[in-house]
Amino acid sequence: MIKIGYKFYLRHLRFEPYPGWPHLSFWQEGYSKEIDWPKISIITPSFNQSEFLENTILSVLNQKYPNLEYIIIDGGSRDGSVEIIKKYEDKIHYWVSEEDKGQSHAINKGVDKATGDWVD
């Protein structure tokens, strides 16, 4: 048995956890439209995380949950994060990029905007 280091494992799986990810949807058929799905609000806090932000956004959107409210609270990033958010703003229900007091504050700002039955 060959042991592979944890970092090695993550580095090689980070960009392809399943075929086509993050550019193709994992759920090809989608969810039934006949069910009254509860509204789920997902909040992503971010600050200067452009390296990971697009994969995070696609990970949420590619689940294709039919009643999703997606909120991104950015802490005033200057690393290209805003450009990435703007790329998907037609699928994001609310986003803002302004200075805040850290991750907890950003999440609380998102909770204030959330209207879902469940908030995550």
N, C-alpha and C. Protein backbone atom coordinates (compact mmCIF):
# COMPACT_ATOMS: atom_id res chain seq x y z
N MET A 1 0.84 -1.17 0.00
CA MET A 1 0.00 0.00 0.00
C MET A 1 0.89 1.25 0.00
N ILE A 2 0.59 2.18 -0.90
CA ILE A 2 1.35 3.41 -0.99
C ILE A 2 0.55 4.52 -0.31
N LYS A 3 1.19 5.21 0.60
CA LYS A 3 0.52 6.33 1.26
C LYS A 3 0.73 7.58 0.43
N ILE A 4 -0.34 8.29 0.22
CA ILE A 4 -0.27 9.55 -0.51
C ILE A 4 -0.56 10.65 0.49
N GLY A 5 0.26 11.66 0.50
CA GLY A 5 0.07 12.77 1.42
C GLY A 5 -1.25 13.48 1.18
N TYR A 6 -1.84 14.01 2.23
CA TYR A 6 -3.12 14.70 2.17
C TYR A 6 -3.08 15.86 1.18
N LYS A 7 -2.03 16.67 1.22
CA LYS A 7 -1.93 17.81 0.31
C LYS A 7 -1.83 17.35 -1.14
N PHE A 8 -1.10 16.29 -1.38
CA PHE A 8 -0.99 15.75 -2.73
C PHE A 8 -2.36 15.33 -3.23
N TYR A 9 -3.11 14.65 -2.39
CA TYR A 9 -4.44 14.16 -2.74
C TYR A 9 -5.36 15.33 -3.08
N LEU A 10 -5.36 16.35 -2.23
CA LEU A 10 -6.22 17.50 -2.49
C LEU A 10 -5.81 18.25 -3.75
N ARG A 11 -4.52 18.40 -3.95
CA ARG A 11 -4.05 19.14 -5.12
C ARG A 11 -4.52 18.46 -6.41
N HIS A 12 -4.54 17.15 -6.43
CA HIS A 12 -4.89 16.46 -7.66
C HIS A 12 -6.39 16.28 -7.84
N LEU A 13 -7.18 16.43 -6.79
CA LEU A 13 -8.62 16.28 -6.92
C LEU A 13 -9.36 17.62 -6.87
N ARG A 14 -8.68 18.67 -6.48
CA ARG A 14 -9.34 19.94 -6.26
C ARG A 14 -10.11 20.45 -7.47
N PHE A 15 -9.60 20.26 -8.65
CA PHE A 15 -10.24 20.84 -9.82
C PHE A 15 -11.15 19.87 -10.57
N GLU A 16 -11.11 18.58 -10.27
CA GLU A 16 -11.96 17.62 -10.96
C GLU A 16 -12.59 16.61 -10.01
N PRO A 17 -13.43 17.03 -9.06
CA PRO A 17 -14.02 16.04 -8.16
C PRO A 17 -14.98 15.09 -8.87
N TYR A 18 -15.54 15.48 -10.00
CA TYR A 18 -16.30 14.58 -10.85
C TYR A 18 -16.21 15.11 -12.27
N PRO A 19 -16.46 14.28 -13.27
CA PRO A 19 -16.24 14.69 -14.67
C PRO A 19 -16.95 15.99 -15.03
N GLY A 20 -16.20 16.92 -15.58
CA GLY A 20 -16.76 18.16 -16.08
C GLY A 20 -16.86 19.29 -15.07
N TRP A 21 -16.68 18.96 -13.81
CA TRP A 21 -16.82 19.99 -12.78
C TRP A 21 -15.71 21.00 -12.92
N PRO A 22 -15.90 22.26 -12.77
CA PRO A 22 -17.13 22.92 -12.35
C PRO A 22 -17.96 23.44 -13.51
N HIS A 23 -17.61 23.08 -14.72
CA HIS A 23 -18.24 23.71 -15.88
C HIS A 23 -19.48 22.99 -16.38
N LEU A 24 -19.68 21.77 -15.98
CA LEU A 24 -20.88 21.04 -16.36
C LEU A 24 -21.67 20.70 -15.11
N SER A 25 -22.96 20.68 -15.23
CA SER A 25 -23.78 20.38 -14.08
C SER A 25 -23.71 18.91 -13.73
N PHE A 26 -23.56 18.64 -12.43
CA PHE A 26 -23.57 17.26 -11.95
C PHE A 26 -24.97 16.69 -12.08
N TRP A 27 -25.99 17.52 -11.86
CA TRP A 27 -27.38 17.08 -11.96
C TRP A 27 -27.86 17.34 -13.38
N GLN A 28 -27.79 16.35 -14.22
CA GLN A 28 -28.18 16.54 -15.62
C GLN A 28 -29.70 16.67 -15.78
N GLU A 29 -30.47 15.93 -14.98
CA GLU A 29 -31.91 15.96 -15.13
C GLU A 29 -32.58 17.04 -14.30
N GLY A 30 -31.94 17.49 -13.27
CA GLY A 30 -32.51 18.53 -12.42
C GLY A 30 -33.53 17.99 -11.44
N TYR A 31 -34.23 18.89 -10.77
CA TYR A 31 -35.21 18.54 -9.75
C TYR A 31 -36.61 18.62 -10.32
N SER A 32 -37.52 17.90 -9.72
CA SER A 32 -38.92 17.91 -10.15
C SER A 32 -39.52 19.29 -9.92
N LYS A 33 -40.24 19.79 -10.90
CA LYS A 33 -40.90 21.09 -10.80
C LYS A 33 -42.27 20.95 -10.11
N GLU A 34 -42.73 19.71 -9.92
CA GLU A 34 -44.05 19.47 -9.35
C GLU A 34 -44.08 19.58 -7.83
N ILE A 35 -42.92 19.67 -7.20
CA ILE A 35 -42.84 19.72 -5.75
C ILE A 35 -42.65 21.17 -5.31
N ASP A 36 -43.30 21.54 -4.21
CA ASP A 36 -43.13 22.88 -3.65
C ASP A 36 -41.88 22.87 -2.77
N TRP A 37 -40.73 23.13 -3.39
CA TRP A 37 -39.45 23.07 -2.69
C TRP A 37 -39.32 24.23 -1.72
N PRO A 38 -38.83 23.99 -0.49
CA PRO A 38 -38.61 25.11 0.43
C PRO A 38 -37.50 26.02 -0.09
N LYS A 39 -37.63 27.29 0.17
CA LYS A 39 -36.60 28.24 -0.26
C LYS A 39 -35.39 28.10 0.66
N ILE A 40 -34.22 27.91 0.05
CA ILE A 40 -32.97 27.80 0.79
C ILE A 40 -32.10 29.00 0.44
N SER A 41 -31.63 29.70 1.46
CA SER A 41 -30.72 30.82 1.28
C SER A 41 -29.31 30.36 1.61
N ILE A 42 -28.40 30.52 0.66
CA ILE A 42 -26.99 30.19 0.85
C ILE A 42 -26.23 31.51 0.88
N ILE A 43 -25.40 31.69 1.91
CA ILE A 43 -24.61 32.91 2.05
C ILE A 43 -23.13 32.55 1.93
N THR A 44 -22.43 33.22 1.03
CA THR A 44 -20.99 33.04 0.89
C THR A 44 -20.29 34.33 1.30
N PRO A 45 -19.60 34.32 2.46
CA PRO A 45 -18.78 35.47 2.81
C PRO A 45 -17.43 35.35 2.12
N SER A 46 -16.87 36.45 1.69
CA SER A 46 -15.59 36.38 0.98
C SER A 46 -14.80 37.66 1.17
N PHE A 47 -13.48 37.53 1.22
CA PHE A 47 -12.59 38.70 1.20
C PHE A 47 -11.28 38.27 0.57
N ASN A 48 -10.97 38.85 -0.58
CA ASN A 48 -9.75 38.55 -1.33
C ASN A 48 -9.54 37.04 -1.52
N GLN A 49 -10.59 36.38 -1.99
CA GLN A 49 -10.54 34.93 -2.23
C GLN A 49 -10.81 34.60 -3.70
N SER A 50 -10.35 35.44 -4.61
CA SER A 50 -10.65 35.23 -6.03
C SER A 50 -10.17 33.87 -6.53
N GLU A 51 -9.11 33.36 -5.94
CA GLU A 51 -8.59 32.06 -6.37
C GLU A 51 -9.61 30.93 -6.17
N PHE A 52 -10.47 31.07 -5.18
CA PHE A 52 -11.43 30.02 -4.84
C PHE A 52 -12.88 30.41 -5.13
N LEU A 53 -13.14 31.68 -5.35
CA LEU A 53 -14.51 32.18 -5.41
C LEU A 53 -15.32 31.60 -6.56
N GLU A 54 -14.75 31.54 -7.74
CA GLU A 54 -15.52 31.04 -8.88
C GLU A 54 -15.92 29.58 -8.69
N ASN A 55 -15.00 28.76 -8.19
CA ASN A 55 -15.35 27.36 -7.93
C ASN A 55 -16.43 27.25 -6.85
N THR A 56 -16.40 28.13 -5.88
CA THR A 56 -17.43 28.14 -4.83
C THR A 56 -18.78 28.49 -5.43
N ILE A 57 -18.83 29.53 -6.23
CA ILE A 57 -20.08 29.95 -6.87
C ILE A 57 -20.63 28.82 -7.74
N LEU A 58 -19.78 28.23 -8.56
CA LEU A 58 -20.24 27.16 -9.45
C LEU A 58 -20.67 25.92 -8.67
N SER A 59 -20.02 25.66 -7.56
CA SER A 59 -20.41 24.52 -6.74
C SER A 59 -21.84 24.69 -6.22
N VAL A 60 -22.18 25.90 -5.82
CA VAL A 60 -23.55 26.17 -5.35
C VAL A 60 -24.53 26.15 -6.51
N LEU A 61 -24.24 26.86 -7.58
CA LEU A 61 -25.18 26.98 -8.69
C LEU A 61 -25.39 25.66 -9.43
N ASN A 62 -24.35 24.86 -9.55
CA ASN A 62 -24.46 23.60 -10.30
C ASN A 62 -25.28 22.54 -9.59
N GLN A 63 -25.66 22.79 -8.35
CA GLN A 63 -26.57 21.86 -7.70
C GLN A 63 -27.98 22.01 -8.24
N LYS A 64 -28.24 23.13 -8.90
CA LYS A 64 -29.50 23.40 -9.59
C LYS A 64 -30.73 23.23 -8.70
N TYR A 65 -30.59 23.56 -7.43
CA TYR A 65 -31.75 23.52 -6.54
C TYR A 65 -32.77 24.52 -7.06
N PRO A 66 -34.03 24.12 -7.21
CA PRO A 66 -35.00 24.98 -7.90
C PRO A 66 -35.48 26.20 -7.13
N ASN A 67 -35.28 26.25 -5.83
CA ASN A 67 -35.77 27.40 -5.05
C ASN A 67 -34.63 27.93 -4.18
N LEU A 68 -33.57 28.36 -4.85
CA LEU A 68 -32.36 28.81 -4.19
C LEU A 68 -32.25 30.33 -4.20
N GLU A 69 -31.90 30.87 -3.07
CA GLU A 69 -31.56 32.29 -2.96
C GLU A 69 -30.08 32.35 -2.61
N TYR A 70 -29.26 32.86 -3.54
CA TYR A 70 -27.82 32.87 -3.33
C TYR A 70 -27.35 34.28 -3.03
N ILE A 71 -26.65 34.45 -1.91
CA ILE A 71 -26.19 35.75 -1.44
C ILE A 71 -24.68 35.70 -1.25
N ILE A 72 -23.98 36.69 -1.79
CA ILE A 72 -22.54 36.78 -1.59
C ILE A 72 -22.23 38.12 -0.93
N ILE A 73 -21.53 38.05 0.19
CA ILE A 73 -21.11 39.25 0.90
C ILE A 73 -19.59 39.31 0.83
N ASP A 74 -19.09 40.27 0.08
CA ASP A 74 -17.65 40.43 -0.10
C ASP A 74 -17.18 41.61 0.75
N GLY A 75 -16.06 41.46 1.38
CA GLY A 75 -15.55 42.48 2.30
C GLY A 75 -14.76 43.60 1.67
N GLY A 76 -15.02 43.91 0.40
CA GLY A 76 -14.29 44.99 -0.27
C GLY A 76 -13.01 44.50 -0.92
N SER A 77 -13.05 43.32 -1.51
CA SER A 77 -11.86 42.71 -2.12
C SER A 77 -11.28 43.57 -3.23
N ARG A 78 -9.97 43.46 -3.41
CA ARG A 78 -9.26 44.16 -4.48
C ARG A 78 -8.44 43.18 -5.31
N ASP A 79 -8.87 41.93 -5.36
CA ASP A 79 -8.08 40.90 -6.05
C ASP A 79 -8.79 40.30 -7.26
N GLY A 80 -9.84 40.94 -7.74
CA GLY A 80 -10.57 40.41 -8.88
C GLY A 80 -11.85 39.67 -8.49
N SER A 81 -12.14 39.61 -7.21
CA SER A 81 -13.35 38.91 -6.74
C SER A 81 -14.62 39.55 -7.30
N VAL A 82 -14.66 40.87 -7.33
CA VAL A 82 -15.86 41.56 -7.80
C VAL A 82 -16.14 41.23 -9.26
N GLU A 83 -15.11 41.14 -10.07
CA GLU A 83 -15.30 40.78 -11.48
C GLU A 83 -15.88 39.37 -11.61
N ILE A 84 -15.43 38.46 -10.76
CA ILE A 84 -15.96 37.09 -10.78
C ILE A 84 -17.43 37.10 -10.36
N ILE A 85 -17.77 37.84 -9.32
CA ILE A 85 -19.16 37.92 -8.87
C ILE A 85 -20.04 38.50 -9.97
N LYS A 86 -19.57 39.56 -10.63
CA LYS A 86 -20.36 40.18 -11.71
C LYS A 86 -20.61 39.21 -12.86
N LYS A 87 -19.71 38.28 -13.07
CA LYS A 87 -19.86 37.28 -14.12
C LYS A 87 -21.10 36.41 -13.89
N TYR A 88 -21.49 36.24 -12.63
CA TYR A 88 -22.62 35.37 -12.28
C TYR A 88 -23.77 36.14 -11.63
N GLU A 89 -23.75 37.47 -11.71
CA GLU A 89 -24.73 38.25 -10.96
C GLU A 89 -26.17 38.00 -11.40
N ASP A 90 -26.39 37.49 -12.61
CA ASP A 90 -27.76 37.18 -13.02
C ASP A 90 -28.31 35.96 -12.29
N LYS A 91 -27.45 35.18 -11.65
CA LYS A 91 -27.88 33.99 -10.90
C LYS A 91 -27.76 34.20 -9.39
N ILE A 92 -27.25 35.35 -8.98
CA ILE A 92 -27.07 35.68 -7.57
C ILE A 92 -28.18 36.65 -7.18
N HIS A 93 -28.89 36.35 -6.10
CA HIS A 93 -30.03 37.18 -5.71
C HIS A 93 -29.61 38.49 -5.07
N TYR A 94 -28.51 38.47 -4.36
CA TYR A 94 -28.01 39.70 -3.74
C TYR A 94 -26.51 39.55 -3.55
N TRP A 95 -25.79 40.62 -3.84
CA TRP A 95 -24.37 40.65 -3.52
C TRP A 95 -23.96 42.08 -3.23
N VAL A 96 -22.92 42.20 -2.43
CA VAL A 96 -22.38 43.51 -2.10
C VAL A 96 -20.89 43.33 -1.86
N SER A 97 -20.13 44.35 -2.20
CA SER A 97 -18.70 44.37 -1.91
C SER A 97 -18.40 45.67 -1.19
N GLU A 98 -18.23 45.56 0.12
CA GLU A 98 -17.94 46.72 0.95
C GLU A 98 -17.22 46.25 2.20
N GLU A 99 -16.48 47.14 2.81
CA GLU A 99 -15.76 46.77 4.03
C GLU A 99 -16.74 46.32 5.10
N ASP A 100 -16.33 45.31 5.83
CA ASP A 100 -17.12 44.86 6.97
C ASP A 100 -16.17 44.55 8.11
N LYS A 101 -16.70 43.96 9.17
CA LYS A 101 -15.90 43.69 10.37
C LYS A 101 -15.46 42.24 10.46
N GLY A 102 -15.40 41.56 9.31
CA GLY A 102 -14.93 40.18 9.31
C GLY A 102 -16.01 39.19 8.88
N GLN A 103 -15.64 37.92 8.92
CA GLN A 103 -16.49 36.85 8.40
C GLN A 103 -17.85 36.78 9.12
N SER A 104 -17.85 36.85 10.43
CA SER A 104 -19.12 36.78 11.18
C SER A 104 -20.04 37.94 10.82
N HIS A 105 -19.46 39.11 10.71
CA HIS A 105 -20.25 40.29 10.33
C HIS A 105 -20.83 40.11 8.93
N ALA A 106 -20.02 39.58 8.01
CA ALA A 106 -20.49 39.34 6.64
C ALA A 106 -21.64 38.35 6.63
N ILE A 107 -21.53 37.28 7.40
CA ILE A 107 -22.61 36.29 7.46
C ILE A 107 -23.87 36.92 8.03
N ASN A 108 -23.72 37.72 9.09
CA ASN A 108 -24.89 38.40 9.67
C ASN A 108 -25.54 39.35 8.68
N LYS A 109 -24.74 40.05 7.87
CA LYS A 109 -25.30 40.92 6.83
C LYS A 109 -26.09 40.09 5.82
N GLY A 110 -25.56 38.90 5.48
CA GLY A 110 -26.28 38.01 4.57
C GLY A 110 -27.57 37.50 5.16
N VAL A 111 -27.55 37.15 6.44
CA VAL A 111 -28.76 36.68 7.12
C VAL A 111 -29.83 37.77 7.12
N ASP A 112 -29.42 39.02 7.28
CA ASP A 112 -30.37 40.12 7.25
C ASP A 112 -31.07 40.23 5.89
N LYS A 113 -30.39 39.87 4.83
CA LYS A 113 -30.96 39.93 3.47
C LYS A 113 -31.71 38.66 3.08
N ALA A 114 -31.45 37.57 3.77
CA ALA A 114 -32.01 36.27 3.40
C ALA A 114 -33.52 36.21 3.66
N THR A 115 -34.23 35.56 2.75
CA THR A 115 -35.68 35.39 2.89
C THR A 115 -36.08 33.91 2.84
N GLY A 116 -35.10 33.04 2.87
CA GLY A 116 -35.38 31.61 2.72
C GLY A 116 -35.99 30.98 3.96
N ASP A 117 -36.61 29.80 3.74
CA ASP A 117 -37.12 29.00 4.84
C ASP A 117 -35.96 28.42 5.65
N TRP A 118 -34.88 28.12 4.95
CA TRP A 118 -33.64 27.64 5.56
C TRP A 118 -32.52 28.57 5.13
N VAL A 119 -31.64 28.87 6.07
CA VAL A 119 -30.49 29.72 5.77
C VAL A 119 -29.23 28.94 6.10
N ASP A 120 -28.30 28.88 5.15
CA ASP A 120 -27.06 28.16 5.35
C ASP A 120 -25.90 29.01 4.89
